């Protein structure tokens, strides 16, 4: 169990590496988003984290933590690919 928790904490540390967030702002600005668009993007991101925290925990308990984490990473990869191709506010 300790090895699993070590891996999970290591993954979360790298996934939510907060010093990278200012780079997102520079990238969004470079793609032409206004400060209001950037604020709305971060607000939507934060709300999705808050609203999906409990349901994802229930799914992890019901099925498998690994499967839920892989599903979440797959969605994150899909979001990154979307960012590469749709460089408008609605793409972000």
PDB file of N, CA and C in Angstrom:
ATOM      1  N   UNK A   1       0.828  -1.203   0.000  1.00  0.00           N
ATOM      2  CA  UNK A   1       0.000   0.000   0.000  1.00  0.00           C
ATOM      3  C   UNK A   1       0.871   1.266   0.000  1.00  0.00           C
ATOM      4  N   UNK A   2       1.993   1.208   0.727  1.00  0.00           N
ATOM      5  CA  UNK A   2       2.854   2.393   0.792  1.00  0.00           C
ATOM      6  C   UNK A   2       3.450   2.722  -0.573  1.00  0.00           C
ATOM      7  N   UNK A   3       3.812   1.683  -1.336  1.00  0.00           N
ATOM      8  CA  UNK A   3       4.363   1.930  -2.673  1.00  0.00           C
ATOM      9  C   UNK A   3       3.329   2.592  -3.569  1.00  0.00           C
ATOM     10  N   UNK A   4       2.090   2.118  -3.461  1.00  0.00           N
ATOM     11  CA  UNK A   4       1.020   2.703  -4.270  1.00  0.00           C
ATOM     12  C   UNK A   4       0.816   4.170  -3.908  1.00  0.00           C
ATOM     13  N   UNK A   5       0.747   4.462  -2.614  1.00  0.00           N
ATOM     14  CA  UNK A   5       0.555   5.850  -2.189  1.00  0.00           C
ATOM     15  C   UNK A   5       1.733   6.724  -2.612  1.00  0.00           C
ATOM     16  N   UNK A   6       2.936   6.192  -2.543  1.00  0.00           N
ATOM     17  CA  UNK A   6       4.108   6.946  -2.988  1.00  0.00           C
ATOM     18  C   UNK A   6       3.987   7.298  -4.466  1.00  0.00           C
ATOM     19  N   UNK A   7       3.537   6.338  -5.265  1.00  0.00           N
ATOM     20  CA  UNK A   7       3.351   6.588  -6.694  1.00  0.00           C
ATOM     21  C   UNK A   7       2.250   7.617  -6.945  1.00  0.00           C
ATOM     22  N   UNK A   8       1.147   7.503  -6.206  1.00  0.00           N
ATOM     23  CA  UNK A   8       0.035   8.445  -6.379  1.00  0.00           C
ATOM     24  C   UNK A   8       0.470   9.858  -6.003  1.00  0.00           C
ATOM     25  N   UNK A   9       1.146  10.001  -4.863  1.00  0.00           N
ATOM     26  CA  UNK A   9       1.587  11.331  -4.442  1.00  0.00           C
ATOM     27  C   UNK A   9       2.620  11.905  -5.414  1.00  0.00           C
ATOM     28  N   UNK A  10       3.506  11.069  -5.920  1.00  0.00           N
ATOM     29  CA  UNK A  10       4.475  11.529  -6.913  1.00  0.00           C
ATOM     30  C   UNK A  10       3.797  11.989  -8.186  1.00  0.00           C
ATOM     31  N   UNK A  11       2.804  11.224  -8.612  1.00  0.00           N
ATOM     32  CA  UNK A  11       2.048  11.599  -9.814  1.00  0.00           C
ATOM     33  C   UNK A  11       1.329  12.925  -9.607  1.00  0.00           C
ATOM     34  N   UNK A  12       0.660  13.084  -8.480  1.00  0.00           N
ATOM     35  CA  UNK A  12      -0.083  14.317  -8.219  1.00  0.00           C
ATOM     36  C   UNK A  12       0.860  15.517  -8.108  1.00  0.00           C
ATOM     37  N   UNK A  13       2.047  15.300  -7.562  1.00  0.00           N
ATOM     38  CA  UNK A  13       3.019  16.391  -7.478  1.00  0.00           C
ATOM     39  C   UNK A  13       3.403  16.871  -8.871  1.00  0.00           C
ATOM     40  N   UNK A  14       3.651  15.935  -9.761  1.00  0.00           N
ATOM     41  CA  UNK A  14       4.042  16.315 -11.116  1.00  0.00           C
ATOM     42  C   UNK A  14       2.865  16.825 -11.934  1.00  0.00           C
ATOM     43  N   UNK A  15       1.679  16.273 -11.692  1.00  0.00           N
ATOM     44  CA  UNK A  15       0.500  16.677 -12.465  1.00  0.00           C
ATOM     45  C   UNK A  15       0.060  18.096 -12.122  1.00  0.00           C
ATOM     46  N   UNK A  16       0.063  18.427 -10.866  1.00  0.00           N
ATOM     47  CA  UNK A  16      -0.399  19.745 -10.421  1.00  0.00           C
ATOM     48  C   UNK A  16       0.773  20.626 -10.014  1.00  0.00           C
ATOM     49  N   UNK A  17       1.796  20.660 -10.834  1.00  0.00           N
ATOM     50  CA  UNK A  17       2.988  21.446 -10.544  1.00  0.00           C
ATOM     51  C   UNK A  17       2.657  22.921 -10.729  1.00  0.00           C
ATOM     52  N   UNK A  18       2.358  23.597  -9.638  1.00  0.00           N
ATOM     53  CA  UNK A  18       1.799  24.944  -9.663  1.00  0.00           C
ATOM     54  C   UNK A  18       2.706  25.990 -10.327  1.00  0.00           C
ATOM     55  N   UNK A  19       4.042  25.916 -10.226  1.00  0.00           N
ATOM     56  CA  UNK A  19       4.842  26.939 -10.928  1.00  0.00           C
ATOM     57  C   UNK A  19       4.649  26.958 -12.445  1.00  0.00           C
ATOM     58  N   UNK A  20       3.978  25.967 -13.002  1.00  0.00           N
ATOM     59  CA  UNK A  20       3.726  25.945 -14.446  1.00  0.00           C
ATOM     60  C   UNK A  20       2.539  26.842 -14.809  1.00  0.00           C
ATOM     61  N   UNK A  21       1.667  27.151 -13.872  1.00  0.00           N
ATOM     62  CA  UNK A  21       0.453  27.916 -14.166  1.00  0.00           C
ATOM     63  C   UNK A  21       0.720  29.264 -14.827  1.00  0.00           C
ATOM     64  N   UNK A  22       1.739  30.033 -14.418  1.00  0.00           N
ATOM     65  CA  UNK A  22       1.999  31.293 -15.140  1.00  0.00           C
ATOM     66  C   UNK A  22       2.331  31.078 -16.617  1.00  0.00           C
ATOM     67  N   UNK A  23       2.906  29.928 -16.944  1.00  0.00           N
ATOM     68  CA  UNK A  23       3.191  29.634 -18.352  1.00  0.00           C
ATOM     69  C   UNK A  23       1.889  29.493 -19.123  1.00  0.00           C
ATOM     70  N   UNK A  24       0.861  28.922 -18.477  1.00  0.00           N
ATOM     71  CA  UNK A  24      -0.450  28.826 -19.122  1.00  0.00           C
ATOM     72  C   UNK A  24      -0.975  30.213 -19.474  1.00  0.00           C
ATOM     73  N   UNK A  25      -0.804  31.160 -18.556  1.00  0.00           N
ATOM     74  CA  UNK A  25      -1.307  32.511 -18.804  1.00  0.00           C
ATOM     75  C   UNK A  25      -0.585  33.132 -19.998  1.00  0.00           C
ATOM     76  N   UNK A  26       0.722  32.949 -20.066  1.00  0.00           N
ATOM     77  CA  UNK A  26       1.487  33.469 -21.205  1.00  0.00           C
ATOM     78  C   UNK A  26       1.020  32.800 -22.497  1.00  0.00           C
ATOM     79  N   UNK A  27       0.792  31.482 -22.448  1.00  0.00           N
ATOM     80  CA  UNK A  27       0.342  30.757 -23.638  1.00  0.00           C
ATOM     81  C   UNK A  27      -1.036  31.244 -24.077  1.00  0.00           C
ATOM     82  N   UNK A  28      -1.950  31.413 -23.118  1.00  0.00           N
ATOM     83  CA  UNK A  28      -3.293  31.886 -23.456  1.00  0.00           C
ATOM     84  C   UNK A  28      -3.237  33.288 -24.058  1.00  0.00           C
ATOM     85  N   UNK A  29      -2.423  34.155 -23.474  1.00  0.00           N
ATOM     86  CA  UNK A  29      -2.279  35.513 -23.992  1.00  0.00           C
ATOM     87  C   UNK A  29      -1.680  35.492 -25.396  1.00  0.00           C
ATOM     88  N   UNK A  30      -0.715  34.616 -25.600  1.00  0.00           N
ATOM     89  CA  UNK A  30      -0.090  34.484 -26.916  1.00  0.00           C
ATOM     90  C   UNK A  30      -1.090  34.030 -27.975  1.00  0.00           C
ATOM     91  N   UNK A  31      -2.094  33.272 -27.563  1.00  0.00           N
ATOM     92  CA  UNK A  31      -3.121  32.808 -28.497  1.00  0.00           C
ATOM     93  C   UNK A  31      -4.273  33.802 -28.637  1.00  0.00           C
ATOM     94  N   UNK A  32      -4.156  34.961 -28.008  1.00  0.00           N
ATOM     95  CA  UNK A  32      -5.133  36.014 -28.221  1.00  0.00           C
ATOM     96  C   UNK A  32      -6.281  36.066 -27.227  1.00  0.00           C
ATOM     97  N   UNK A  33      -6.195  35.333 -26.130  1.00  0.00           N
ATOM     98  CA  UNK A  33      -7.266  35.394 -25.139  1.00  0.00           C
ATOM     99  C   UNK A  33      -7.133  36.663 -24.308  1.00  0.00           C
ATOM    100  N   UNK A  34      -8.265  37.253 -23.972  1.00  0.00           N
ATOM    101  CA  UNK A  34      -8.274  38.450 -23.131  1.00  0.00           C
ATOM    102  C   UNK A  34      -8.126  38.023 -21.667  1.00  0.00           C
ATOM    103  N   UNK A  35      -7.814  38.974 -20.781  1.00  0.00           N
ATOM    104  CA  UNK A  35      -7.745  38.625 -19.360  1.00  0.00           C
ATOM    105  C   UNK A  35      -9.056  38.025 -18.833  1.00  0.00           C
ATOM    106  N   UNK A  36     -10.194  38.502 -19.344  1.00  0.00           N
ATOM    107  CA  UNK A  36     -11.482  37.940 -18.928  1.00  0.00           C
ATOM    108  C   UNK A  36     -11.625  36.494 -19.398  1.00  0.00           C
ATOM    109  N   UNK A  37     -11.200  36.212 -20.625  1.00  0.00           N
ATOM    110  CA  UNK A  37     -11.245  34.840 -21.139  1.00  0.00           C
ATOM    111  C   UNK A  37     -10.365  33.911 -20.305  1.00  0.00           C
ATOM    112  N   UNK A  38      -9.188  34.397 -19.929  1.00  0.00           N
ATOM    113  CA  UNK A  38      -8.281  33.590 -19.108  1.00  0.00           C
ATOM    114  C   UNK A  38      -8.902  33.329 -17.743  1.00  0.00           C
ATOM    115  N   UNK A  39      -9.511  34.354 -17.148  1.00  0.00           N
ATOM    116  CA  UNK A  39     -10.165  34.177 -15.851  1.00  0.00           C
ATOM    117  C   UNK A  39     -11.310  33.175 -15.945  1.00  0.00           C
ATOM    118  N   UNK A  40     -12.098  33.249 -17.006  1.00  0.00           N
ATOM    119  CA  UNK A  40     -13.196  32.290 -17.188  1.00  0.00           C
ATOM    120  C   UNK A  40     -12.675  30.873 -17.393  1.00  0.00           C
ATOM    121  N   UNK A  41     -11.571  30.739 -18.106  1.00  0.00           N
ATOM    122  CA  UNK A  41     -10.979  29.419 -18.325  1.00  0.00           C
ATOM    123  C   UNK A  41     -10.525  28.802 -17.007  1.00  0.00           C
ATOM    124  N   UNK A  42      -9.820  29.579 -16.182  1.00  0.00           N
ATOM    125  CA  UNK A  42      -9.368  29.059 -14.891  1.00  0.00           C
ATOM    126  C   UNK A  42     -10.535  28.813 -13.938  1.00  0.00           C
ATOM    127  N   UNK A  43     -11.581  29.626 -14.031  1.00  0.00           N
ATOM    128  CA  UNK A  43     -12.770  29.406 -13.203  1.00  0.00           C
ATOM    129  C   UNK A  43     -13.461  28.107 -13.585  1.00  0.00           C
ATOM    130  N   UNK A  44     -13.617  27.865 -14.878  1.00  0.00           N
ATOM    131  CA  UNK A  44     -14.235  26.611 -15.333  1.00  0.00           C
ATOM    132  C   UNK A  44     -13.396  25.416 -14.907  1.00  0.00           C
ATOM    133  N   UNK A  45     -12.089  25.540 -14.988  1.00  0.00           N
ATOM    134  CA  UNK A  45     -11.193  24.462 -14.576  1.00  0.00           C
ATOM    135  C   UNK A  45     -11.345  24.182 -13.078  1.00  0.00           C
ATOM    136  N   UNK A  46     -11.368  25.245 -12.268  1.00  0.00           N
ATOM    137  CA  UNK A  46     -11.503  25.082 -10.820  1.00  0.00           C
ATOM    138  C   UNK A  46     -12.853  24.491 -10.441  1.00  0.00           C
ATOM    139  N   UNK A  47     -13.914  24.959 -11.080  1.00  0.00           N
ATOM    140  CA  UNK A  47     -15.244  24.416 -10.782  1.00  0.00           C
ATOM    141  C   UNK A  47     -15.355  22.946 -11.165  1.00  0.00           C
ATOM    142  N   UNK A  48     -14.742  22.574 -12.274  1.00  0.00           N
ATOM    143  CA  UNK A  48     -14.792  21.159 -12.657  1.00  0.00           C
ATOM    144  C   UNK A  48     -14.058  20.300 -11.638  1.00  0.00           C
ATOM    145  N   UNK A  49     -12.958  20.799 -11.093  1.00  0.00           N
ATOM    146  CA  UNK A  49     -12.256  20.049 -10.047  1.00  0.00           C
ATOM    147  C   UNK A  49     -13.127  19.880  -8.811  1.00  0.00           C
ATOM    148  N   UNK A  50     -13.782  20.951  -8.404  1.00  0.00           N
ATOM    149  CA  UNK A  50     -14.619  20.902  -7.202  1.00  0.00           C
ATOM    150  C   UNK A  50     -15.810  19.977  -7.404  1.00  0.00           C
ATOM    151  N   UNK A  51     -16.476  20.093  -8.541  1.00  0.00           N
ATOM    152  CA  UNK A  51     -17.694  19.316  -8.775  1.00  0.00           C
ATOM    153  C   UNK A  51     -17.429  17.835  -9.042  1.00  0.00           C
ATOM    154  N   UNK A  52     -16.277  17.505  -9.583  1.00  0.00           N
ATOM    155  CA  UNK A  52     -15.996  16.111  -9.933  1.00  0.00           C
ATOM    156  C   UNK A  52     -15.157  15.369  -8.893  1.00  0.00           C
ATOM    157  N   UNK A  53     -14.763  16.040  -7.822  1.00  0.00           N
ATOM    158  CA  UNK A  53     -13.928  15.403  -6.805  1.00  0.00           C
ATOM    159  C   UNK A  53     -14.647  14.236  -6.127  1.00  0.00           C
ATOM    160  N   UNK A  54     -15.836  14.462  -5.644  1.00  0.00           N
ATOM    161  CA  UNK A  54     -16.580  13.406  -4.944  1.00  0.00           C
ATOM    162  C   UNK A  54     -17.017  12.280  -5.884  1.00  0.00           C
ATOM    163  N   UNK A  55     -17.609  12.577  -7.045  1.00  0.00           N
ATOM    164  CA  UNK A  55     -17.986  11.476  -7.942  1.00  0.00           C
ATOM    165  C   UNK A  55     -16.793  10.626  -8.396  1.00  0.00           C
ATOM    166  N   UNK A  56     -15.640  11.249  -8.597  1.00  0.00           N
ATOM    167  CA  UNK A  56     -14.481  10.450  -9.012  1.00  0.00           C
ATOM    168  C   UNK A  56     -14.010   9.542  -7.882  1.00  0.00           C
ATOM    169  N   UNK A  57     -14.153   9.986  -6.653  1.00  0.00           N
ATOM    170  CA  UNK A  57     -13.819   9.131  -5.513  1.00  0.00           C
ATOM    171  C   UNK A  57     -14.750   7.939  -5.402  1.00  0.00           C
ATOM    172  N   UNK A  58     -16.031   8.174  -5.641  1.00  0.00           N
ATOM    173  CA  UNK A  58     -17.006   7.078  -5.617  1.00  0.00           C
ATOM    174  C   UNK A  58     -16.694   6.077  -6.724  1.00  0.00           C
ATOM    175  N   UNK A  59     -16.388   6.570  -7.918  1.00  0.00           N
ATOM    176  CA  UNK A  59     -16.030   5.674  -9.025  1.00  0.00           C
ATOM    177  C   UNK A  59     -14.757   4.891  -8.717  1.00  0.00           C
ATOM    178  N   UNK A  60     -13.793   5.540  -8.072  1.00  0.00           N
ATOM    179  CA  UNK A  60     -12.550   4.852  -7.719  1.00  0.00           C
ATOM    180  C   UNK A  60     -12.805   3.752  -6.697  1.00  0.00           C
ATOM    181  N   UNK A  61     -13.709   4.000  -5.752  1.00  0.00           N
ATOM    182  CA  UNK A  61     -14.047   2.969  -4.770  1.00  0.00           C
ATOM    183  C   UNK A  61     -14.822   1.830  -5.406  1.00  0.00           C
ATOM    184  N   UNK A  62     -15.679   2.145  -6.330  1.00  0.00           N
ATOM    185  CA  UNK A  62     -16.517   1.123  -6.955  1.00  0.00           C
ATOM    186  C   UNK A  62     -15.728   0.268  -7.938  1.00  0.00           C
ATOM    187  N   UNK A  63     -14.917   0.891  -8.757  1.00  0.00           N
ATOM    188  CA  UNK A  63     -14.186   0.160  -9.789  1.00  0.00           C
ATOM    189  C   UNK A  63     -12.735  -0.011  -9.366  1.00  0.00           C
ATOM    190  N   UNK A  64     -11.887   0.835  -9.846  1.00  0.00           N
ATOM    191  CA  UNK A  64     -10.465   0.731  -9.529  1.00  0.00           C
ATOM    192  C   UNK A  64      -9.857   2.126  -9.560  1.00  0.00           C
ATOM    193  N   UNK A  65      -9.021   2.416  -8.582  1.00  0.00           N
ATOM    194  CA  UNK A  65      -8.360   3.722  -8.576  1.00  0.00           C
ATOM    195  C   UNK A  65      -7.510   3.903  -9.822  1.00  0.00           C
ATOM    196  N   UNK A  66      -6.842   2.836 -10.198  1.00  0.00           N
ATOM    197  CA  UNK A  66      -5.976   2.906 -11.376  1.00  0.00           C
ATOM    198  C   UNK A  66      -6.777   3.242 -12.631  1.00  0.00           C
ATOM    199  N   UNK A  67      -7.942   2.595 -12.798  1.00  0.00           N
ATOM    200  CA  UNK A  67      -8.763   2.853 -13.982  1.00  0.00           C
ATOM    201  C   UNK A  67      -9.277   4.287 -14.000  1.00  0.00           C
ATOM    202  N   UNK A  68      -9.690   4.782 -12.843  1.00  0.00           N
ATOM    203  CA  UNK A  68     -10.195   6.157 -12.770  1.00  0.00           C
ATOM    204  C   UNK A  68      -9.068   7.147 -13.059  1.00  0.00           C
ATOM    205  N   UNK A  69      -7.872   6.884 -12.528  1.00  0.00           N
ATOM    206  CA  UNK A  69      -6.742   7.779 -12.797  1.00  0.00           C
ATOM    207  C   UNK A  69      -6.354   7.743 -14.271  1.00  0.00           C
ATOM    208  N   UNK A  70      -6.368   6.557 -14.874  1.00  0.00           N
ATOM    209  CA  UNK A  70      -6.058   6.461 -16.304  1.00  0.00           C
ATOM    210  C   UNK A  70      -7.099   7.185 -17.149  1.00  0.00           C
ATOM    211  N   UNK A  71      -8.358   7.082 -16.752  1.00  0.00           N
ATOM    212  CA  UNK A  71      -9.415   7.800 -17.462  1.00  0.00           C
ATOM    213  C   UNK A  71      -9.206   9.311 -17.348  1.00  0.00           C
ATOM    214  N   UNK A  72      -8.880   9.776 -16.152  1.00  0.00           N
ATOM    215  CA  UNK A  72      -8.620  11.199 -15.954  1.00  0.00           C
ATOM    216  C   UNK A  72      -7.427  11.692 -16.756  1.00  0.00           C
ATOM    217  N   UNK A  73      -6.361  10.884 -16.794  1.00  0.00           N
ATOM    218  CA  UNK A  73      -5.194  11.262 -17.592  1.00  0.00           C
ATOM    219  C   UNK A  73      -5.531  11.272 -19.077  1.00  0.00           C
ATOM    220  N   UNK A  74      -6.382  10.351 -19.506  1.00  0.00           N
ATOM    221  CA  UNK A  74      -6.799  10.330 -20.912  1.00  0.00           C
ATOM    222  C   UNK A  74      -7.560  11.597 -21.269  1.00  0.00           C
ATOM    223  N   UNK A  75      -8.436  12.041 -20.364  1.00  0.00           N
ATOM    224  CA  UNK A  75      -9.157  13.294 -20.604  1.00  0.00           C
ATOM    225  C   UNK A  75      -8.200  14.482 -20.638  1.00  0.00           C
ATOM    226  N   UNK A  76      -7.189  14.443 -19.785  1.00  0.00           N
ATOM    227  CA  UNK A  76      -6.217  15.530 -19.765  1.00  0.00           C
ATOM    228  C   UNK A  76      -5.415  15.564 -21.067  1.00  0.00           C
ATOM    229  N   UNK A  77      -5.038  14.402 -21.575  1.00  0.00           N
ATOM    230  CA  UNK A  77      -4.325  14.339 -22.860  1.00  0.00           C
ATOM    231  C   UNK A  77      -5.214  14.870 -23.977  1.00  0.00           C
ATOM    232  N   UNK A  78      -6.492  14.491 -23.950  1.00  0.00           N
ATOM    233  CA  UNK A  78      -7.435  14.985 -24.950  1.00  0.00           C
ATOM    234  C   UNK A  78      -7.543  16.508 -24.891  1.00  0.00           C
ATOM    235  N   UNK A  79      -7.557  17.059 -23.683  1.00  0.00           N
ATOM    236  CA  UNK A  79      -7.615  18.517 -23.534  1.00  0.00           C
ATOM    237  C   UNK A  79      -6.360  19.177 -24.102  1.00  0.00           C
ATOM    238  N   UNK A  80      -5.199  18.589 -23.843  1.00  0.00           N
ATOM    239  CA  UNK A  80      -3.955  19.156 -24.374  1.00  0.00           C
ATOM    240  C   UNK A  80      -3.934  19.121 -25.901  1.00  0.00           C
ATOM    241  N   UNK A  81      -4.412  18.025 -26.484  1.00  0.00           N
ATOM    242  CA  UNK A  81      -4.466  17.930 -27.945  1.00  0.00           C
ATOM    243  C   UNK A  81      -5.443  18.965 -28.494  1.00  0.00           C
ATOM    244  N   UNK A  82      -6.565  19.156 -27.801  1.00  0.00           N
ATOM    245  CA  UNK A  82      -7.537  20.168 -28.217  1.00  0.00           C
ATOM    246  C   UNK A  82      -6.900  21.554 -28.193  1.00  0.00           C
ATOM    247  N   UNK A  83      -6.100  21.840 -27.162  1.00  0.00           N
ATOM    248  CA  UNK A  83      -5.425  23.133 -27.078  1.00  0.00           C
ATOM    249  C   UNK A  83      -4.508  23.351 -28.271  1.00  0.00           C
ATOM    250  N   UNK A  84      -3.883  22.286 -28.762  1.00  0.00           N
ATOM    251  CA  UNK A  84      -2.951  22.434 -29.887  1.00  0.00           C
ATOM    252  C   UNK A  84      -3.668  22.814 -31.176  1.00  0.00           C
ATOM    253  N   UNK A  85      -4.890  22.323 -31.375  1.00  0.00           N
ATOM    254  CA  UNK A  85      -5.570  22.517 -32.656  1.00  0.00           C
ATOM    255  C   UNK A  85      -6.597  23.652 -32.648  1.00  0.00           C
ATOM    256  N   UNK A  86      -7.226  23.920 -31.523  1.00  0.00           N
ATOM    257  CA  UNK A  86      -8.244  24.972 -31.445  1.00  0.00           C
ATOM    258  C   UNK A  86      -7.688  26.108 -30.601  1.00  0.00           C
ATOM    259  N   UNK A  87      -7.212  27.123 -31.255  1.00  0.00           N
ATOM    260  CA  UNK A  87      -6.523  28.202 -30.550  1.00  0.00           C
ATOM    261  C   UNK A  87      -7.432  29.395 -30.292  1.00  0.00           C
ATOM    262  N   UNK A  88      -8.699  29.119 -30.062  1.00  0.00           N
ATOM    263  CA  UNK A  88      -9.647  30.169 -29.702  1.00  0.00           C
ATOM    264  C   UNK A  88     -10.088  29.945 -28.261  1.00  0.00           C
ATOM    265  N   UNK A  89     -10.891  30.861 -27.758  1.00  0.00           N
ATOM    266  CA  UNK A  89     -11.382  30.735 -26.385  1.00  0.00           C
ATOM    267  C   UNK A  89     -12.142  29.435 -26.183  1.00  0.00           C
ATOM    268  N   UNK A  90     -12.983  29.052 -27.121  1.00  0.00           N
ATOM    269  CA  UNK A  90     -13.801  27.846 -26.963  1.00  0.00           C
ATOM    270  C   UNK A  90     -12.971  26.578 -27.076  1.00  0.00           C
ATOM    271  N   UNK A  91     -11.797  26.661 -27.667  1.00  0.00           N
ATOM    272  CA  UNK A  91     -10.905  25.508 -27.696  1.00  0.00           C
ATOM    273  C   UNK A  91     -10.224  25.272 -26.364  1.00  0.00           C
ATOM    274  N   UNK A  92     -10.052  26.354 -25.605  1.00  0.00           N
ATOM    275  CA  UNK A  92      -9.438  26.225 -24.296  1.00  0.00           C
ATOM    276  C   UNK A  92     -10.475  25.856 -23.280  1.00  0.00           C
TER     277      UNK A  92
END
